Amino acid sequence: MTNSKKTIAKMASSVADTSWIDAQRASGDWNPLWDTLCDWDPEFMERYLAFRNVPHRNGPLPPKYKELILIAINVATTHMYTPGVRRHIRNALQQGASRDEILEVIQLTTVLGIHACNVGIPILAEELKNQPTVQGSQLATVAGKSRRRTKAT
């Protein structure tokens, strides 16, 4: 057995209490991507799950709202984790969320996507101003359309 395998085996045997790991697996809310991490460092996984589950054990939000928030996190353009979306939609439905509530959460989350334009368009306009090859009419068109839309909203 190599030194790294001995170290891993030693770590695995040093974790006596795996109650959080066991509970997470039993709940059906286990992420299969955690399997390797759990095999390699069960102590870390156990402590991570204890930490991760604090909001699920405590706090004033009902479980349905927690699941709706987790849907938003998982569908967000910065995360887009399909298995998590499916798992938390299923959980939200089991907690009594309606189709329309879940749909609204997904729709609200789509506003994150507009930030590509909110960040990119002003920078593009600034850079166009600094380019000697940009014709004045091109810049005026870009700036004019931007101002018209801003005033209309």
N, C-alpha and C. Protein backbone atom coordinates (compact mmCIF):
# COMPACT_ATOMS: atom_id res chain seq x y z
N MET A 1 0.86 -1.18 0.00
CA MET A 1 0.00 0.00 0.00
C MET A 1 0.90 1.24 0.00
N THR A 2 0.59 2.21 -0.87
CA THR A 2 1.38 3.44 -0.94
C THR A 2 1.13 4.31 0.27
N ASN A 3 2.02 5.28 0.49
CA ASN A 3 1.87 6.19 1.63
C ASN A 3 0.56 6.96 1.56
N SER A 4 0.18 7.43 0.35
CA SER A 4 -1.07 8.20 0.26
C SER A 4 -2.28 7.32 0.56
N LYS A 5 -2.24 6.07 0.13
CA LYS A 5 -3.36 5.17 0.42
C LYS A 5 -3.42 4.86 1.91
N LYS A 6 -2.26 4.72 2.54
CA LYS A 6 -2.21 4.50 3.99
C LYS A 6 -2.79 5.70 4.74
N THR A 7 -2.43 6.89 4.26
CA THR A 7 -2.93 8.12 4.88
C THR A 7 -4.45 8.18 4.75
N ILE A 8 -4.94 7.89 3.57
CA ILE A 8 -6.40 7.92 3.34
C ILE A 8 -7.08 6.87 4.20
N ALA A 9 -6.54 5.69 4.25
CA ALA A 9 -7.14 4.64 5.08
C ALA A 9 -7.15 5.04 6.55
N LYS A 10 -6.05 5.65 6.99
CA LYS A 10 -5.98 6.11 8.38
C LYS A 10 -7.04 7.17 8.66
N MET A 11 -7.18 8.13 7.71
CA MET A 11 -8.19 9.18 7.88
C MET A 11 -9.59 8.57 7.93
N ALA A 12 -9.85 7.63 7.05
CA ALA A 12 -11.18 7.02 6.99
C ALA A 12 -11.49 6.27 8.28
N SER A 13 -10.49 5.61 8.83
CA SER A 13 -10.74 4.86 10.05
C SER A 13 -10.82 5.76 11.28
N SER A 14 -10.30 7.00 11.17
CA SER A 14 -10.31 7.89 12.33
C SER A 14 -11.66 8.55 12.56
N VAL A 15 -12.55 8.48 11.60
CA VAL A 15 -13.85 9.11 11.75
C VAL A 15 -14.83 8.07 12.27
N ALA A 16 -15.19 8.24 13.52
CA ALA A 16 -16.10 7.28 14.13
C ALA A 16 -17.55 7.67 13.88
N ASP A 17 -17.84 8.96 13.96
CA ASP A 17 -19.21 9.44 13.83
C ASP A 17 -19.45 9.94 12.41
N THR A 18 -20.32 9.28 11.71
CA THR A 18 -20.70 9.71 10.36
C THR A 18 -22.21 9.96 10.31
N SER A 19 -22.74 10.48 11.40
CA SER A 19 -24.19 10.65 11.47
C SER A 19 -24.72 11.64 10.43
N TRP A 20 -23.96 12.70 10.13
CA TRP A 20 -24.44 13.66 9.12
C TRP A 20 -24.38 13.05 7.73
N ILE A 21 -23.31 12.34 7.46
CA ILE A 21 -23.18 11.65 6.16
C ILE A 21 -24.32 10.66 6.00
N ASP A 22 -24.54 9.85 7.03
CA ASP A 22 -25.60 8.84 6.97
C ASP A 22 -26.98 9.48 6.79
N ALA A 23 -27.24 10.55 7.53
CA ALA A 23 -28.54 11.23 7.43
C ALA A 23 -28.72 11.86 6.05
N GLN A 24 -27.67 12.46 5.52
CA GLN A 24 -27.77 13.09 4.20
C GLN A 24 -28.05 12.05 3.13
N ARG A 25 -27.37 10.93 3.19
CA ARG A 25 -27.62 9.85 2.22
C ARG A 25 -29.05 9.32 2.37
N ALA A 26 -29.48 9.12 3.60
CA ALA A 26 -30.83 8.57 3.84
C ALA A 26 -31.92 9.53 3.38
N SER A 27 -31.64 10.82 3.40
CA SER A 27 -32.65 11.81 3.03
C SER A 27 -32.94 11.82 1.54
N GLY A 28 -32.06 11.21 0.75
CA GLY A 28 -32.21 11.26 -0.70
C GLY A 28 -31.67 12.55 -1.29
N ASP A 29 -31.09 13.39 -0.46
CA ASP A 29 -30.55 14.68 -0.88
C ASP A 29 -29.03 14.63 -0.96
N TRP A 30 -28.49 13.46 -1.25
CA TRP A 30 -27.05 13.26 -1.35
C TRP A 30 -26.60 13.61 -2.77
N ASN A 31 -25.55 14.39 -2.86
CA ASN A 31 -24.97 14.73 -4.15
C ASN A 31 -23.94 13.66 -4.51
N PRO A 32 -24.14 12.92 -5.59
CA PRO A 32 -23.19 11.85 -5.93
C PRO A 32 -21.77 12.35 -6.15
N LEU A 33 -21.61 13.63 -6.43
CA LEU A 33 -20.26 14.18 -6.59
C LEU A 33 -19.50 14.18 -5.27
N TRP A 34 -20.20 14.01 -4.16
CA TRP A 34 -19.55 13.99 -2.86
C TRP A 34 -18.94 12.63 -2.53
N ASP A 35 -19.26 11.60 -3.29
CA ASP A 35 -18.81 10.24 -2.96
C ASP A 35 -17.29 10.15 -2.81
N THR A 36 -16.56 10.67 -3.78
CA THR A 36 -15.11 10.57 -3.74
C THR A 36 -14.55 11.38 -2.57
N LEU A 37 -15.05 12.59 -2.39
CA LEU A 37 -14.58 13.41 -1.27
C LEU A 37 -14.86 12.69 0.04
N CYS A 38 -16.01 12.09 0.14
CA CYS A 38 -16.37 11.36 1.37
C CYS A 38 -15.44 10.17 1.58
N ASP A 39 -15.10 9.47 0.51
CA ASP A 39 -14.17 8.34 0.63
C ASP A 39 -12.78 8.82 1.04
N TRP A 40 -12.33 9.92 0.47
CA TRP A 40 -10.98 10.41 0.73
C TRP A 40 -10.85 11.10 2.08
N ASP A 41 -11.89 11.83 2.48
CA ASP A 41 -11.79 12.58 3.74
C ASP A 41 -13.16 12.65 4.41
N PRO A 42 -13.57 11.56 5.03
CA PRO A 42 -14.90 11.52 5.64
C PRO A 42 -15.05 12.52 6.80
N GLU A 43 -13.96 12.83 7.47
CA GLU A 43 -14.05 13.81 8.56
C GLU A 43 -14.45 15.18 8.00
N PHE A 44 -13.81 15.59 6.89
CA PHE A 44 -14.18 16.86 6.26
C PHE A 44 -15.64 16.82 5.82
N MET A 45 -16.06 15.74 5.18
CA MET A 45 -17.42 15.62 4.69
C MET A 45 -18.42 15.69 5.84
N GLU A 46 -18.12 15.02 6.92
CA GLU A 46 -19.00 15.02 8.09
C GLU A 46 -19.14 16.44 8.64
N ARG A 47 -18.03 17.13 8.76
CA ARG A 47 -18.07 18.50 9.30
C ARG A 47 -18.73 19.47 8.33
N TYR A 48 -18.48 19.28 7.04
CA TYR A 48 -19.12 20.13 6.03
C TYR A 48 -20.64 19.98 6.10
N LEU A 49 -21.12 18.75 6.17
CA LEU A 49 -22.56 18.52 6.22
C LEU A 49 -23.18 19.07 7.50
N ALA A 50 -22.46 18.99 8.61
CA ALA A 50 -22.97 19.57 9.85
C ALA A 50 -23.12 21.08 9.69
N PHE A 51 -22.12 21.73 9.07
CA PHE A 51 -22.16 23.17 8.82
C PHE A 51 -23.27 23.52 7.82
N ARG A 52 -23.32 22.78 6.72
CA ARG A 52 -24.26 23.05 5.64
C ARG A 52 -25.72 22.94 6.10
N ASN A 53 -25.94 22.09 7.06
CA ASN A 53 -27.31 21.84 7.50
C ASN A 53 -27.81 22.76 8.60
N VAL A 54 -26.98 23.67 9.09
CA VAL A 54 -27.41 24.59 10.15
C VAL A 54 -28.69 25.34 9.74
N PRO A 55 -28.75 25.95 8.54
CA PRO A 55 -29.97 26.67 8.19
C PRO A 55 -31.19 25.76 8.06
N HIS A 56 -30.97 24.49 7.78
CA HIS A 56 -32.09 23.55 7.67
C HIS A 56 -32.61 23.15 9.05
N ARG A 57 -31.76 23.22 10.04
CA ARG A 57 -32.16 22.85 11.41
C ARG A 57 -32.73 24.03 12.18
N ASN A 58 -32.26 25.24 11.87
CA ASN A 58 -32.60 26.42 12.65
C ASN A 58 -33.16 27.51 11.75
N GLY A 59 -33.68 28.52 12.36
CA GLY A 59 -34.11 29.69 11.61
C GLY A 59 -35.61 29.75 11.40
N PRO A 60 -36.09 30.94 11.07
CA PRO A 60 -37.52 31.17 10.98
C PRO A 60 -38.15 30.78 9.64
N LEU A 61 -37.34 30.56 8.59
CA LEU A 61 -37.95 30.25 7.29
C LEU A 61 -38.51 28.83 7.26
N PRO A 62 -39.71 28.69 6.75
CA PRO A 62 -40.27 27.34 6.58
C PRO A 62 -39.48 26.57 5.53
N PRO A 63 -39.47 25.24 5.62
CA PRO A 63 -38.72 24.41 4.67
C PRO A 63 -39.05 24.72 3.20
N LYS A 64 -40.30 25.03 2.90
CA LYS A 64 -40.68 25.33 1.52
C LYS A 64 -39.90 26.52 1.00
N TYR A 65 -39.76 27.57 1.79
CA TYR A 65 -39.03 28.76 1.36
C TYR A 65 -37.54 28.48 1.21
N LYS A 66 -37.01 27.65 2.09
CA LYS A 66 -35.59 27.28 1.98
C LYS A 66 -35.37 26.55 0.65
N GLU A 67 -36.28 25.66 0.30
CA GLU A 67 -36.14 24.93 -0.97
C GLU A 67 -36.28 25.87 -2.16
N LEU A 68 -37.18 26.85 -2.08
CA LEU A 68 -37.32 27.82 -3.17
C LEU A 68 -36.02 28.62 -3.35
N ILE A 69 -35.41 28.98 -2.25
CA ILE A 69 -34.13 29.71 -2.33
C ILE A 69 -33.06 28.82 -2.94
N LEU A 70 -33.03 27.55 -2.55
CA LEU A 70 -32.05 26.63 -3.10
C LEU A 70 -32.27 26.40 -4.60
N ILE A 71 -33.52 26.44 -5.04
CA ILE A 71 -33.79 26.37 -6.49
C ILE A 71 -33.14 27.57 -7.17
N ALA A 72 -33.37 28.76 -6.61
CA ALA A 72 -32.80 29.98 -7.20
C ALA A 72 -31.27 29.89 -7.27
N ILE A 73 -30.65 29.40 -6.24
CA ILE A 73 -29.19 29.27 -6.24
C ILE A 73 -28.74 28.31 -7.33
N ASN A 74 -29.43 27.20 -7.47
CA ASN A 74 -29.01 26.17 -8.42
C ASN A 74 -29.32 26.53 -9.88
N VAL A 75 -30.35 27.34 -10.14
CA VAL A 75 -30.64 27.73 -11.53
C VAL A 75 -29.89 29.00 -11.93
N ALA A 76 -29.28 29.69 -10.98
CA ALA A 76 -28.60 30.95 -11.27
C ALA A 76 -27.53 30.75 -12.34
N THR A 77 -27.36 31.78 -13.17
CA THR A 77 -26.39 31.69 -14.27
C THR A 77 -24.97 31.47 -13.78
N THR A 78 -24.71 31.77 -12.53
CA THR A 78 -23.38 31.56 -11.98
C THR A 78 -23.21 30.15 -11.40
N HIS A 79 -24.27 29.35 -11.42
CA HIS A 79 -24.20 28.01 -10.85
C HIS A 79 -24.70 26.96 -11.84
N MET A 80 -25.93 27.08 -12.26
CA MET A 80 -26.56 26.20 -13.26
C MET A 80 -26.26 24.71 -13.01
N TYR A 81 -26.62 24.24 -11.83
CA TYR A 81 -26.36 22.86 -11.44
C TYR A 81 -27.66 22.06 -11.55
N THR A 82 -27.81 21.37 -12.68
CA THR A 82 -29.05 20.67 -13.01
C THR A 82 -29.48 19.65 -11.95
N PRO A 83 -28.58 18.78 -11.46
CA PRO A 83 -29.05 17.83 -10.44
C PRO A 83 -29.59 18.53 -9.19
N GLY A 84 -28.98 19.65 -8.80
CA GLY A 84 -29.47 20.40 -7.64
C GLY A 84 -30.82 21.03 -7.92
N VAL A 85 -31.00 21.54 -9.13
CA VAL A 85 -32.30 22.12 -9.51
C VAL A 85 -33.38 21.05 -9.37
N ARG A 86 -33.12 19.90 -9.95
CA ARG A 86 -34.12 18.80 -9.89
C ARG A 86 -34.41 18.39 -8.46
N ARG A 87 -33.35 18.22 -7.68
CA ARG A 87 -33.51 17.78 -6.28
C ARG A 87 -34.31 18.80 -5.48
N HIS A 88 -34.02 20.09 -5.64
CA HIS A 88 -34.69 21.10 -4.83
C HIS A 88 -36.10 21.41 -5.36
N ILE A 89 -36.34 21.25 -6.65
CA ILE A 89 -37.72 21.35 -7.14
C ILE A 89 -38.55 20.23 -6.55
N ARG A 90 -38.01 19.02 -6.57
CA ARG A 90 -38.71 17.87 -5.98
C ARG A 90 -38.99 18.13 -4.49
N ASN A 91 -37.97 18.62 -3.77
CA ASN A 91 -38.14 18.90 -2.34
C ASN A 91 -39.19 19.99 -2.12
N ALA A 92 -39.15 21.04 -2.94
CA ALA A 92 -40.11 22.14 -2.78
C ALA A 92 -41.54 21.65 -3.02
N LEU A 93 -41.71 20.83 -4.03
CA LEU A 93 -43.04 20.28 -4.29
C LEU A 93 -43.52 19.44 -3.10
N GLN A 94 -42.61 18.65 -2.53
CA GLN A 94 -42.96 17.84 -1.36
C GLN A 94 -43.29 18.72 -0.16
N GLN A 95 -42.73 19.93 -0.11
CA GLN A 95 -43.01 20.86 0.99
C GLN A 95 -44.24 21.72 0.71
N GLY A 96 -44.92 21.47 -0.42
CA GLY A 96 -46.17 22.18 -0.70
C GLY A 96 -46.05 23.35 -1.65
N ALA A 97 -44.90 23.57 -2.25
CA ALA A 97 -44.76 24.66 -3.22
C ALA A 97 -45.57 24.33 -4.46
N SER A 98 -46.15 25.36 -5.05
CA SER A 98 -46.92 25.16 -6.28
C SER A 98 -46.03 25.34 -7.50
N ARG A 99 -46.53 24.90 -8.63
CA ARG A 99 -45.82 25.10 -9.88
C ARG A 99 -45.56 26.58 -10.11
N ASP A 100 -46.57 27.41 -9.87
CA ASP A 100 -46.44 28.84 -10.11
C ASP A 100 -45.40 29.48 -9.18
N GLU A 101 -45.31 29.02 -7.93
CA GLU A 101 -44.29 29.56 -7.03
C GLU A 101 -42.89 29.22 -7.54
N ILE A 102 -42.70 27.98 -7.95
CA ILE A 102 -41.39 27.55 -8.46
C ILE A 102 -41.07 28.28 -9.76
N LEU A 103 -42.06 28.42 -10.62
CA LEU A 103 -41.86 29.14 -11.88
C LEU A 103 -41.44 30.58 -11.61
N GLU A 104 -42.08 31.23 -10.65
CA GLU A 104 -41.73 32.61 -10.32
C GLU A 104 -40.29 32.72 -9.80
N VAL A 105 -39.87 31.76 -9.00
CA VAL A 105 -38.49 31.76 -8.50
C VAL A 105 -37.52 31.66 -9.68
N ILE A 106 -37.81 30.78 -10.61
CA ILE A 106 -36.94 30.63 -11.78
C ILE A 106 -36.94 31.92 -12.60
N GLN A 107 -38.12 32.51 -12.77
CA GLN A 107 -38.21 33.76 -13.54
C GLN A 107 -37.46 34.89 -12.83
N LEU A 108 -37.58 34.98 -11.52
CA LEU A 108 -36.87 36.02 -10.78
C LEU A 108 -35.35 35.84 -10.90
N THR A 109 -34.92 34.61 -10.95
CA THR A 109 -33.50 34.33 -11.03
C THR A 109 -32.91 34.74 -12.38
N THR A 110 -33.73 34.81 -13.40
CA THR A 110 -33.21 35.16 -14.73
C THR A 110 -32.67 36.58 -14.78
N VAL A 111 -33.01 37.43 -13.83
CA VAL A 111 -32.48 38.80 -13.86
C VAL A 111 -30.96 38.81 -13.71
N LEU A 112 -30.37 37.74 -13.18
CA LEU A 112 -28.92 37.68 -13.09
C LEU A 112 -28.28 37.75 -14.47
N GLY A 113 -28.95 37.21 -15.47
CA GLY A 113 -28.40 37.19 -16.82
C GLY A 113 -28.26 38.56 -17.44
N ILE A 114 -29.08 39.51 -17.05
CA ILE A 114 -29.03 40.85 -17.64
C ILE A 114 -27.74 41.57 -17.25
N HIS A 115 -27.08 41.11 -16.20
CA HIS A 115 -25.87 41.79 -15.75
C HIS A 115 -24.75 41.74 -16.77
N ALA A 116 -24.77 40.76 -17.66
CA ALA A 116 -23.78 40.75 -18.74
C ALA A 116 -23.93 42.02 -19.57
N CYS A 117 -25.17 42.43 -19.82
CA CYS A 117 -25.41 43.67 -20.56
C CYS A 117 -25.15 44.89 -19.68
N ASN A 118 -25.57 44.85 -18.44
CA ASN A 118 -25.36 45.99 -17.54
C ASN A 118 -23.88 46.32 -17.38
N VAL A 119 -23.03 45.31 -17.40
CA VAL A 119 -21.60 45.51 -17.27
C VAL A 119 -20.97 45.78 -18.64
N GLY A 120 -21.32 44.97 -19.61
CA GLY A 120 -20.65 45.01 -20.90
C GLY A 120 -20.97 46.21 -21.77
N ILE A 121 -22.22 46.63 -21.83
CA ILE A 121 -22.62 47.72 -22.73
C ILE A 121 -21.97 49.04 -22.35
N PRO A 122 -21.98 49.47 -21.09
CA PRO A 122 -21.30 50.73 -20.75
C PRO A 122 -19.79 50.68 -21.06
N ILE A 123 -19.16 49.54 -20.82
CA ILE A 123 -17.74 49.42 -21.12
C ILE A 123 -17.51 49.51 -22.62
N LEU A 124 -18.37 48.85 -23.40
CA LEU A 124 -18.27 48.94 -24.85
C LEU A 124 -18.42 50.38 -25.30
N ALA A 125 -19.38 51.10 -24.76
CA ALA A 125 -19.59 52.50 -25.14
C ALA A 125 -18.36 53.34 -24.79
N GLU A 126 -17.77 53.10 -23.60
CA GLU A 126 -16.56 53.84 -23.21
C GLU A 126 -15.40 53.55 -24.15
N GLU A 127 -15.22 52.27 -24.46
CA GLU A 127 -14.12 51.88 -25.33
C GLU A 127 -14.32 52.41 -26.75
N LEU A 128 -15.55 52.44 -27.20
CA LEU A 128 -15.82 52.99 -28.53
C LEU A 128 -15.44 54.47 -28.60
N LYS A 129 -15.68 55.18 -27.52
CA LYS A 129 -15.30 56.60 -27.47
C LYS A 129 -13.79 56.77 -27.61
N ASN A 130 -13.03 55.82 -27.08
CA ASN A 130 -11.57 55.90 -27.08
C ASN A 130 -10.93 55.37 -28.36
N GLN A 131 -11.70 54.82 -29.26
CA GLN A 131 -11.16 54.27 -30.50
C GLN A 131 -11.16 55.32 -31.59
N PRO A 132 -10.00 55.64 -32.14
CA PRO A 132 -9.94 56.66 -33.19
C PRO A 132 -10.63 56.22 -34.48
N THR A 133 -10.80 54.92 -34.68
CA THR A 133 -11.39 54.45 -35.93
C THR A 133 -12.91 54.44 -35.90
N VAL A 134 -13.50 54.66 -34.76
CA VAL A 134 -14.96 54.65 -34.65
C VAL A 134 -15.50 55.96 -35.21
N GLN A 135 -16.43 55.84 -36.11
CA GLN A 135 -17.05 57.01 -36.70
C GLN A 135 -17.98 57.66 -35.69
N GLY A 136 -18.05 58.94 -35.67
CA GLY A 136 -18.92 59.67 -34.76
C GLY A 136 -20.36 59.21 -34.84
N SER A 137 -20.85 58.86 -36.03
CA SER A 137 -22.24 58.44 -36.16
C SER A 137 -22.48 57.10 -35.49
N GLN A 138 -21.47 56.19 -35.53
CA GLN A 138 -21.62 54.90 -34.86
C GLN A 138 -21.75 55.09 -33.35
N LEU A 139 -20.89 55.94 -32.81
CA LEU A 139 -20.91 56.19 -31.38
C LEU A 139 -22.20 56.88 -30.98
N ALA A 140 -22.62 57.86 -31.77
CA ALA A 140 -23.86 58.57 -31.47
C ALA A 140 -25.03 57.62 -31.49
N THR A 141 -25.02 56.70 -32.45
CA THR A 141 -26.11 55.73 -32.54
C THR A 141 -26.14 54.85 -31.30
N VAL A 142 -24.97 54.36 -30.91
CA VAL A 142 -24.89 53.51 -29.72
C VAL A 142 -25.33 54.29 -28.49
N ALA A 143 -24.77 55.49 -28.31
CA ALA A 143 -25.09 56.29 -27.14
C ALA A 143 -26.54 56.74 -27.16
N GLY A 144 -27.06 57.12 -28.32
CA GLY A 144 -28.45 57.57 -28.43
C GLY A 144 -29.44 56.48 -28.08
N LYS A 145 -29.19 55.29 -28.59
CA LYS A 145 -30.08 54.16 -28.27
C LYS A 145 -30.03 53.85 -26.79
N SER A 146 -28.84 53.92 -26.22
CA SER A 146 -28.70 53.65 -24.79
C SER A 146 -29.48 54.67 -23.97
N ARG A 147 -29.37 55.96 -24.34
CA ARG A 147 -30.08 57.01 -23.58
C ARG A 147 -31.59 56.86 -23.76
N ARG A 148 -32.05 56.58 -24.96
CA ARG A 148 -33.49 56.44 -25.18
C ARG A 148 -34.06 55.31 -24.33
N ARG A 149 -33.35 54.20 -24.28
CA ARG A 149 -33.84 53.08 -23.48
C ARG A 149 -33.82 53.41 -22.00
N THR A 150 -32.79 54.12 -21.57
CA THR A 150 -32.70 54.48 -20.15
C THR A 150 -33.85 55.40 -19.77
N LYS A 151 -34.16 56.37 -20.62
CA LYS A 151 -35.23 57.31 -20.31
C LYS A 151 -36.59 56.62 -20.34
N ALA A 152 -36.73 55.61 -21.18
CA ALA A 152 -38.03 54.94 -21.32
C ALA A 152 -38.33 54.03 -20.14
N THR A 153 -37.29 53.59 -19.43
CA THR A 153 -37.55 52.64 -18.33
C THR A 153 -37.72 53.32 -17.02
